[in-house]
Amino acid sequence: MVRIVLGAAMLEAGKGGIVRVARMTARALAAHDHAVTAVSYLDKEPPEIDGVRVVTAGGSKPVFALKCHVAALRAQAMVFDSVGIALARPRIPGLRRRHAVWMHGIEAWEKLRPGREAIYQAADVVLVNSAYTLERFERLHGPLPNARVCWLATEDDAPPAPSARAPGRPPTAMILGRIDRSEQYKGHYELIAAWPRIVAAVPGARLLIAGGGDDFDNVRAAAEASPVAGHIDLRGFVPESAMPALWAETDVFTMPCRGGGFGLVYVEAMRQSLPVIASVHDAAPEVNIEGETGFNIALDDQEAMVDRFVRLLGNPDQARTMGAAGYARWQKHFRLSAFGERMMAILDTAGLTA
């Protein structure tokens, strides 16, 4: 057993992708019989994570740094959920601990702030969510020999509870994710532009848009201006408790991004036995296998986009076959236990947990 400190921005469930990675990291470490103390920067109250002791800093940077240093006194290794959080790593002579840092995506490309490349270089190992993310980083910042790709996963090993899909409902594609001005690369506008042609080929086809953010009103305006506005359903923010019902309305999941570092929502869609339509522009092809678990399209090729949606929304048998292949891929690669085995092998090799 190794005593490990996990430094995280936040650990409360349902607060975004990086939080989910931090929670998975904590759970995987604890499942492999290590003593884990998690120090959270932003949480006010300690979230419940089985087998993990959580202490909070309540949003205070000095308190967070202090608690990381205090926890490190009794620890043998540290893991940080992001490069910014790794600023709190101890740098006192005699207190250095072997440590790992997660790299997620755009924060390591265009948004890498001065001095943070050195944080990656100083880590014993950098856990990178995809080969695409690592390639983008190295293209801009040069080689990172201590980096290792560690695909992500769902927070569950169990399949979802069975759900009855309502008979007679329209064939439905769903896009789910934050809708922010700073993230206008997820494909919302391209999907809305293509939807009239999809409806013409598959009468009744519905586009379900779920997620909130500061660009939601602009997306809604684009949907309302569409000649098939009645076939575009905007739900806004949907809480975790309501997601099972939303998945039950869906036949095809889509999020054709231009800059996703991994795409946790793709593997959740696979867990739901849904085919995925993603893009060729980011990490999606590592997760979503072209022609097997779904399709990966170029966003500037509207002909291909329309064709792929028509194939799946107009052919339920093909959608079910690809959804079943996605479920099998989730079982093999993207369950929480599979993630834990990947991550622990990397940490063991880097000397953090061996």
Protein backbone atom coordinates (compact mmCIF):
# COMPACT_ATOMS: atom_id res chain seq x y z
CA MET A 1 0.00 0.00 0.00
CA VAL A 2 1.22 3.46 -0.95
CA ARG A 3 -0.02 6.68 0.65
CA ILE A 4 -1.06 9.00 -2.18
CA VAL A 5 -2.33 12.58 -2.29
CA LEU A 6 -4.72 13.56 -5.09
CA GLY A 7 -4.86 17.31 -5.73
CA ALA A 8 -8.07 18.31 -7.52
CA ALA A 9 -9.93 21.46 -8.48
CA MET A 10 -13.24 19.89 -7.46
CA LEU A 11 -14.63 16.45 -6.65
CA GLU A 12 -18.39 17.02 -6.47
CA ALA A 13 -20.14 14.68 -8.92
CA GLY A 14 -21.73 16.17 -12.02
CA LYS A 15 -19.46 19.21 -12.32
CA GLY A 16 -17.76 18.48 -15.62
CA GLY A 17 -15.26 16.28 -17.38
CA ILE A 18 -12.12 17.16 -15.40
CA VAL A 19 -14.01 16.55 -12.15
CA ARG A 20 -15.08 13.17 -13.48
CA VAL A 21 -11.46 12.28 -14.27
CA ALA A 22 -10.42 13.32 -10.75
CA ARG A 23 -13.16 11.18 -9.19
CA MET A 24 -12.22 8.19 -11.37
CA THR A 25 -8.57 8.63 -10.42
CA ALA A 26 -9.42 8.67 -6.71
CA ARG A 27 -11.66 5.62 -6.99
CA ALA A 28 -9.13 3.66 -9.06
CA LEU A 29 -6.33 4.35 -6.57
CA ALA A 30 -8.52 3.30 -3.65
CA ALA A 31 -9.72 0.17 -5.49
CA HIS A 32 -6.09 -0.90 -5.82
CA ASP A 33 -5.67 -0.73 -2.03
CA HIS A 34 -3.73 2.51 -1.78
CA ALA A 35 -4.40 5.01 1.01
CA VAL A 36 -5.77 8.08 -0.76
CA THR A 37 -6.16 11.59 0.62
CA ALA A 38 -7.83 13.95 -1.85
CA VAL A 39 -7.37 17.71 -1.41
CA SER A 40 -10.06 19.74 -3.18
CA TYR A 41 -9.55 23.40 -4.04
CA LEU A 42 -13.15 24.50 -4.70
CA ASP A 43 -15.46 22.15 -2.82
CA LYS A 44 -17.04 23.63 0.31
CA GLU A 45 -17.96 20.26 1.83
CA PRO A 46 -16.09 16.97 1.31
CA PRO A 47 -17.85 14.90 -1.38
CA GLU A 48 -18.37 11.20 -0.70
CA ILE A 49 -15.95 8.94 -2.57
CA ASP A 50 -15.68 5.37 -1.33
CA GLY A 51 -12.33 4.62 0.29
CA VAL A 52 -11.03 8.19 -0.08
CA ARG A 53 -10.46 10.79 2.61
CA VAL A 54 -11.35 14.23 1.22
CA VAL A 55 -10.25 17.57 2.68
CA THR A 56 -11.37 20.88 1.21
CA ALA A 57 -9.93 24.36 0.81
CA GLY A 58 -13.23 26.15 0.12
CA GLY A 59 -11.82 28.05 -2.85
CA SER A 60 -8.79 29.52 -1.08
CA LYS A 61 -5.54 29.10 -3.01
CA PRO A 62 -3.27 29.55 0.04
CA VAL A 63 -5.31 27.04 2.05
CA PHE A 64 -5.25 24.57 -0.84
CA ALA A 65 -1.47 24.87 -1.19
CA LEU A 66 -1.02 24.49 2.58
CA LYS A 67 -3.24 21.40 2.75
CA CYS A 68 -1.38 19.82 -0.18
CA HIS A 69 1.91 20.38 1.61
CA VAL A 70 0.59 19.02 4.91
CA ALA A 71 -0.86 15.93 3.21
CA ALA A 72 2.44 15.39 1.38
CA LEU A 73 4.27 15.06 4.70
CA ARG A 74 2.64 11.66 5.21
CA ALA A 75 2.45 10.61 1.57
CA GLN A 76 4.81 8.86 -0.81
CA ALA A 77 3.35 10.11 -4.11
CA MET A 78 0.98 12.72 -5.53
CA VAL A 79 -1.37 12.96 -8.51
CA PHE A 80 -2.78 16.28 -9.78
CA ASP A 81 -5.93 16.52 -11.88
CA SER A 82 -4.58 19.33 -14.10
CA VAL A 83 -1.53 21.47 -14.73
CA GLY A 84 -2.93 24.50 -12.86
CA ILE A 85 -3.65 22.44 -9.75
CA ALA A 86 -0.10 21.03 -9.92
CA LEU A 87 1.18 24.51 -9.03
CA ALA A 88 0.46 23.42 -5.44
CA ARG A 89 2.98 20.58 -5.54
CA PRO A 90 5.56 20.81 -2.72
CA ARG A 91 8.87 22.31 -3.77
CA ILE A 92 10.46 22.45 -0.34
CA PRO A 93 13.88 20.73 -0.17
CA GLY A 94 13.42 17.27 1.29
CA LEU A 95 9.66 17.22 0.65
CA ARG A 96 9.62 16.44 -3.06
CA ARG A 97 7.28 13.58 -3.87
CA ARG A 98 7.06 11.59 -7.07
CA HIS A 99 4.05 12.95 -8.89
CA ALA A 100 1.80 12.65 -11.92
CA VAL A 101 -0.15 15.39 -13.71
CA TRP A 102 -3.20 14.93 -15.95
CA MET A 103 -3.35 16.58 -19.40
CA HIS A 104 -6.87 16.93 -20.82
CA GLY A 105 -6.90 18.93 -24.04
CA ILE A 106 -7.17 22.56 -25.00
CA GLU A 107 -5.68 23.79 -21.72
CA ALA A 108 -2.42 22.27 -22.96
CA TRP A 109 -2.65 23.69 -26.49
CA GLU A 110 -3.60 27.28 -27.24
CA LYS A 111 -4.45 28.01 -23.60
CA LEU A 112 -1.21 26.82 -21.99
CA ARG A 113 -0.20 29.65 -19.70
CA PRO A 114 3.43 30.77 -19.22
CA GLY A 115 5.49 28.53 -17.00
CA ARG A 116 3.15 25.57 -17.15
CA GLU A 117 5.08 23.64 -19.76
CA ALA A 118 7.80 23.34 -17.10
CA ILE A 119 5.27 21.74 -14.74
CA TYR A 120 4.62 18.99 -17.26
CA GLN A 121 8.35 18.55 -17.84
CA ALA A 122 9.00 18.26 -14.08
CA ALA A 123 6.40 15.54 -13.49
CA ASP A 124 7.51 11.94 -13.14
CA VAL A 125 4.71 11.07 -15.55
CA VAL A 126 2.07 13.03 -17.46
CA LEU A 127 -1.21 11.15 -17.89
CA VAL A 128 -2.65 12.20 -21.26
CA ASN A 129 -6.26 11.40 -22.18
CA SER A 130 -5.58 10.61 -25.85
CA ALA A 131 -2.88 10.31 -28.48
CA TYR A 132 -4.54 13.27 -30.20
CA THR A 133 -4.07 15.49 -27.14
CA LEU A 134 -0.41 14.51 -26.87
CA GLU A 135 0.18 15.12 -30.58
CA ARG A 136 -1.40 18.58 -30.35
CA PHE A 137 0.76 19.44 -27.32
CA GLU A 138 4.00 18.22 -28.88
CA ARG A 139 3.25 19.98 -32.16
CA LEU A 140 3.15 23.30 -30.30
CA HIS A 141 5.56 22.77 -27.42
CA GLY A 142 7.98 20.03 -28.43
CA PRO A 143 8.57 16.48 -27.19
CA LEU A 144 7.26 15.37 -23.80
CA PRO A 145 9.07 12.08 -23.14
CA ASN A 146 7.46 11.54 -19.73
CA ALA A 147 3.91 11.52 -21.22
CA ARG A 148 1.80 8.37 -21.40
CA VAL A 149 -1.62 8.03 -23.02
CA CYS A 150 -4.35 6.85 -20.64
CA TRP A 151 -7.82 6.67 -22.18
CA LEU A 152 -10.70 7.70 -19.95
CA ALA A 153 -13.91 5.83 -19.13
CA THR A 154 -17.34 6.05 -17.57
CA GLU A 155 -17.62 6.19 -13.79
CA ASP A 156 -19.42 2.83 -13.85
CA ASP A 157 -18.64 -0.80 -14.51
CA ALA A 158 -22.31 -1.72 -14.52
CA PRO A 159 -24.54 -1.33 -17.58
CA PRO A 160 -27.37 1.20 -17.34
CA ALA A 161 -30.73 0.13 -16.00
CA PRO A 162 -33.03 -1.12 -18.77
CA SER A 163 -35.23 1.60 -20.19
CA ALA A 164 -38.27 1.37 -22.41
CA ARG A 165 -38.06 3.49 -25.53
CA ALA A 166 -41.50 4.96 -26.16
CA PRO A 167 -43.20 3.44 -29.22
CA GLY A 168 -44.06 5.77 -32.04
CA ARG A 169 -41.64 8.55 -31.09
CA PRO A 170 -39.68 10.22 -33.91
CA PRO A 171 -36.16 9.01 -34.80
CA THR A 172 -33.94 11.18 -32.63
CA ALA A 173 -30.30 12.28 -32.58
CA MET A 174 -29.02 13.96 -29.42
CA ILE A 175 -26.09 16.31 -28.85
CA LEU A 176 -25.20 16.76 -25.18
CA GLY A 177 -22.64 19.14 -23.71
CA ARG A 178 -21.84 22.62 -22.51
CA ILE A 179 -22.92 25.36 -24.94
CA ASP A 180 -20.39 28.16 -24.38
CA ARG A 181 -19.09 30.92 -26.64
CA SER A 182 -15.57 29.75 -25.87
CA GLU A 183 -16.46 26.25 -27.11
CA GLN A 184 -18.19 26.89 -30.43
CA TYR A 185 -16.46 23.86 -31.88
CA LYS A 186 -18.85 21.10 -30.79
CA GLY A 187 -20.95 21.10 -33.96
CA HIS A 188 -24.24 22.67 -32.81
CA TYR A 189 -24.44 25.18 -35.64
CA GLU A 190 -23.39 22.68 -38.31
CA LEU A 191 -26.04 20.20 -37.15
CA ILE A 192 -28.76 22.85 -37.20
CA ALA A 193 -27.72 23.89 -40.73
CA ALA A 194 -27.87 20.29 -41.97
CA TRP A 195 -31.14 19.35 -40.28
CA PRO A 196 -33.57 20.48 -43.06
CA ARG A 197 -31.96 18.04 -45.48
CA ILE A 198 -32.02 15.25 -42.91
CA VAL A 199 -35.73 15.84 -42.23
CA ALA A 200 -36.42 15.81 -45.97
CA ALA A 201 -34.87 12.33 -46.19
CA VAL A 202 -36.16 10.99 -42.84
CA PRO A 203 -39.52 12.68 -42.19
CA GLY A 204 -39.99 13.42 -38.52
CA ALA A 205 -36.28 13.20 -37.66
CA ARG A 206 -35.63 15.16 -34.47
CA LEU A 207 -32.49 16.88 -33.20
CA LEU A 208 -32.40 17.00 -29.41
CA ILE A 209 -30.00 19.58 -27.97
CA ALA A 210 -29.20 19.28 -24.26
CA GLY A 211 -26.84 21.45 -22.24
CA GLY A 212 -26.61 24.98 -20.93
CA GLY A 213 -24.10 27.78 -21.16
CA ASP A 214 -23.55 31.37 -22.26
CA ASP A 215 -24.02 30.52 -25.96
CA PHE A 216 -27.36 28.77 -25.45
CA ASP A 217 -29.45 31.75 -26.57
CA ASN A 218 -27.50 32.00 -29.84
CA VAL A 219 -27.97 28.30 -30.53
CA ARG A 220 -31.68 28.65 -29.76
CA ALA A 221 -31.94 31.60 -32.18
CA ALA A 222 -30.28 29.54 -34.92
CA ALA A 223 -32.70 26.66 -34.25
CA GLU A 224 -35.75 28.93 -34.25
CA ALA A 225 -34.64 30.42 -37.60
CA SER A 226 -34.43 26.98 -39.20
CA PRO A 227 -37.17 26.00 -41.68
CA VAL A 228 -37.51 22.79 -39.61
CA ALA A 229 -37.55 24.50 -36.22
CA GLY A 230 -40.33 22.16 -35.09
CA HIS A 231 -37.91 19.24 -35.44
CA ILE A 232 -35.23 20.78 -33.18
CA ASP A 233 -35.83 20.36 -29.46
CA LEU A 234 -33.71 22.48 -27.08
CA ARG A 235 -33.77 21.22 -23.49
CA GLY A 236 -31.11 23.41 -21.87
CA PHE A 237 -29.29 22.11 -18.81
CA VAL A 238 -30.36 18.59 -17.80
CA PRO A 239 -29.45 17.31 -14.30
CA GLU A 240 -27.82 13.91 -13.87
CA SER A 241 -31.02 12.55 -12.32
CA ALA A 242 -32.93 13.24 -15.56
CA MET A 243 -30.36 11.75 -17.94
CA PRO A 244 -31.76 8.19 -18.04
CA ALA A 245 -35.01 9.50 -19.51
CA LEU A 246 -33.08 11.58 -22.04
CA TRP A 247 -30.98 8.61 -23.18
CA ALA A 248 -34.22 6.65 -23.58
CA GLU A 249 -35.42 9.23 -26.12
CA THR A 250 -32.28 8.88 -28.23
CA ASP A 251 -31.46 6.66 -31.22
CA VAL A 252 -28.15 8.25 -32.27
CA PHE A 253 -25.68 10.26 -30.22
CA THR A 254 -23.72 13.02 -31.92
CA MET A 255 -21.13 15.62 -31.03
CA PRO A 256 -18.98 16.36 -34.08
CA CYS A 257 -16.30 18.48 -32.37
CA ARG A 258 -13.36 20.30 -33.87
CA GLY A 259 -11.25 20.22 -30.71
CA GLY A 260 -12.19 17.56 -28.17
CA GLY A 261 -9.34 16.03 -26.20
CA PHE A 262 -11.18 12.75 -25.61
CA GLY A 263 -14.99 12.80 -25.41
CA LEU A 264 -16.30 11.21 -22.22
CA VAL A 265 -19.83 11.55 -23.51
CA TYR A 266 -19.02 9.21 -26.43
CA VAL A 267 -18.22 6.35 -24.07
CA GLU A 268 -21.35 7.06 -22.05
CA ALA A 269 -23.36 6.83 -25.29
CA MET A 270 -21.67 3.49 -26.01
CA ARG A 271 -22.64 2.32 -22.52
CA GLN A 272 -26.21 3.18 -23.53
CA SER A 273 -25.86 0.99 -26.69
CA LEU A 274 -26.17 4.00 -28.99
CA PRO A 275 -24.27 4.55 -32.26
CA VAL A 276 -22.12 7.68 -32.33
CA ILE A 277 -21.61 10.31 -35.03
CA ALA A 278 -18.48 12.29 -34.15
CA SER A 279 -15.83 14.06 -36.23
CA VAL A 280 -12.47 13.43 -37.85
CA HIS A 281 -11.06 16.66 -36.40
CA ASP A 282 -10.11 15.58 -32.88
CA ALA A 283 -9.70 12.55 -30.61
CA ALA A 284 -13.04 10.98 -31.54
CA PRO A 285 -11.61 8.39 -34.01
CA GLU A 286 -9.61 6.87 -31.12
CA VAL A 287 -12.88 6.22 -29.30
CA ASN A 288 -15.51 5.85 -32.03
CA ILE A 289 -14.50 3.29 -34.64
CA GLU A 290 -15.50 4.40 -38.14
CA GLY A 291 -18.08 2.11 -39.70
CA GLU A 292 -18.26 -0.12 -36.61
CA THR A 293 -19.52 1.84 -33.60
CA GLY A 294 -20.67 4.81 -35.69
CA PHE A 295 -19.23 7.37 -38.08
CA ASN A 296 -16.67 10.18 -37.93
CA ILE A 297 -17.40 13.06 -40.31
CA ALA A 298 -15.71 16.20 -41.58
CA LEU A 299 -17.74 19.21 -40.49
CA ASP A 300 -17.20 21.02 -43.79
CA ASP A 301 -18.59 18.02 -45.72
CA GLN A 302 -22.33 18.51 -45.33
CA GLU A 303 -23.09 15.81 -47.90
CA ALA A 304 -21.36 13.21 -45.74
CA MET A 305 -22.98 14.57 -42.59
CA VAL A 306 -26.48 14.28 -44.04
CA ASP A 307 -25.74 10.82 -45.45
CA ARG A 308 -24.56 9.40 -42.09
CA PHE A 309 -27.56 10.70 -40.16
CA VAL A 310 -29.95 9.42 -42.83
CA ARG A 311 -28.29 6.00 -42.70
CA LEU A 312 -28.79 5.65 -38.95
CA LEU A 313 -32.02 7.54 -38.31
CA GLY A 314 -33.61 5.94 -41.37
CA ASN A 315 -32.34 2.43 -40.68
CA PRO A 316 -33.03 1.34 -37.07
CA ASP A 317 -31.45 -2.08 -37.64
CA GLN A 318 -28.10 -0.56 -38.60
CA ALA A 319 -28.33 1.84 -35.65
CA ARG A 320 -28.92 -1.08 -33.28
CA THR A 321 -26.03 -3.08 -34.77
CA MET A 322 -23.59 -0.20 -34.36
CA GLY A 323 -24.97 0.52 -30.89
CA ALA A 324 -24.31 -3.09 -29.88
CA ALA A 325 -20.74 -2.82 -31.21
CA GLY A 326 -20.30 0.35 -29.18
CA TYR A 327 -21.54 -1.38 -26.05
CA ALA A 328 -19.03 -4.20 -26.57
CA ARG A 329 -16.25 -1.63 -27.00
CA TRP A 330 -17.34 0.11 -23.80
CA GLN A 331 -17.24 -3.20 -21.92
CA LYS A 332 -13.72 -3.95 -23.13
CA HIS A 333 -12.05 -0.53 -22.93
CA PHE A 334 -14.13 2.12 -21.24
CA ARG A 335 -15.46 0.79 -17.94
CA LEU A 336 -14.08 2.26 -14.71
CA SER A 337 -12.13 -0.94 -13.94
CA ALA A 338 -10.47 -0.86 -17.40
CA PHE A 339 -9.45 2.75 -16.79
CA GLY A 340 -8.04 1.78 -13.39
CA GLU A 341 -5.91 -0.99 -14.87
CA ARG A 342 -4.51 1.38 -17.52
CA MET A 343 -3.72 4.14 -15.07
CA MET A 344 -2.21 1.89 -12.41
CA ALA A 345 0.10 0.23 -14.95
CA ILE A 346 1.42 3.68 -15.92
CA LEU A 347 1.82 4.85 -12.32
CA ASP A 348 3.53 1.59 -11.36
CA THR A 349 6.03 1.92 -14.22
CA ALA A 350 6.73 5.54 -13.24
CA GLY A 351 7.50 4.46 -9.65
CA LEU A 352 4.57 6.18 -7.97
CA THR A 353 2.70 3.11 -6.76
CA ALA A 354 5.02 0.14 -7.21
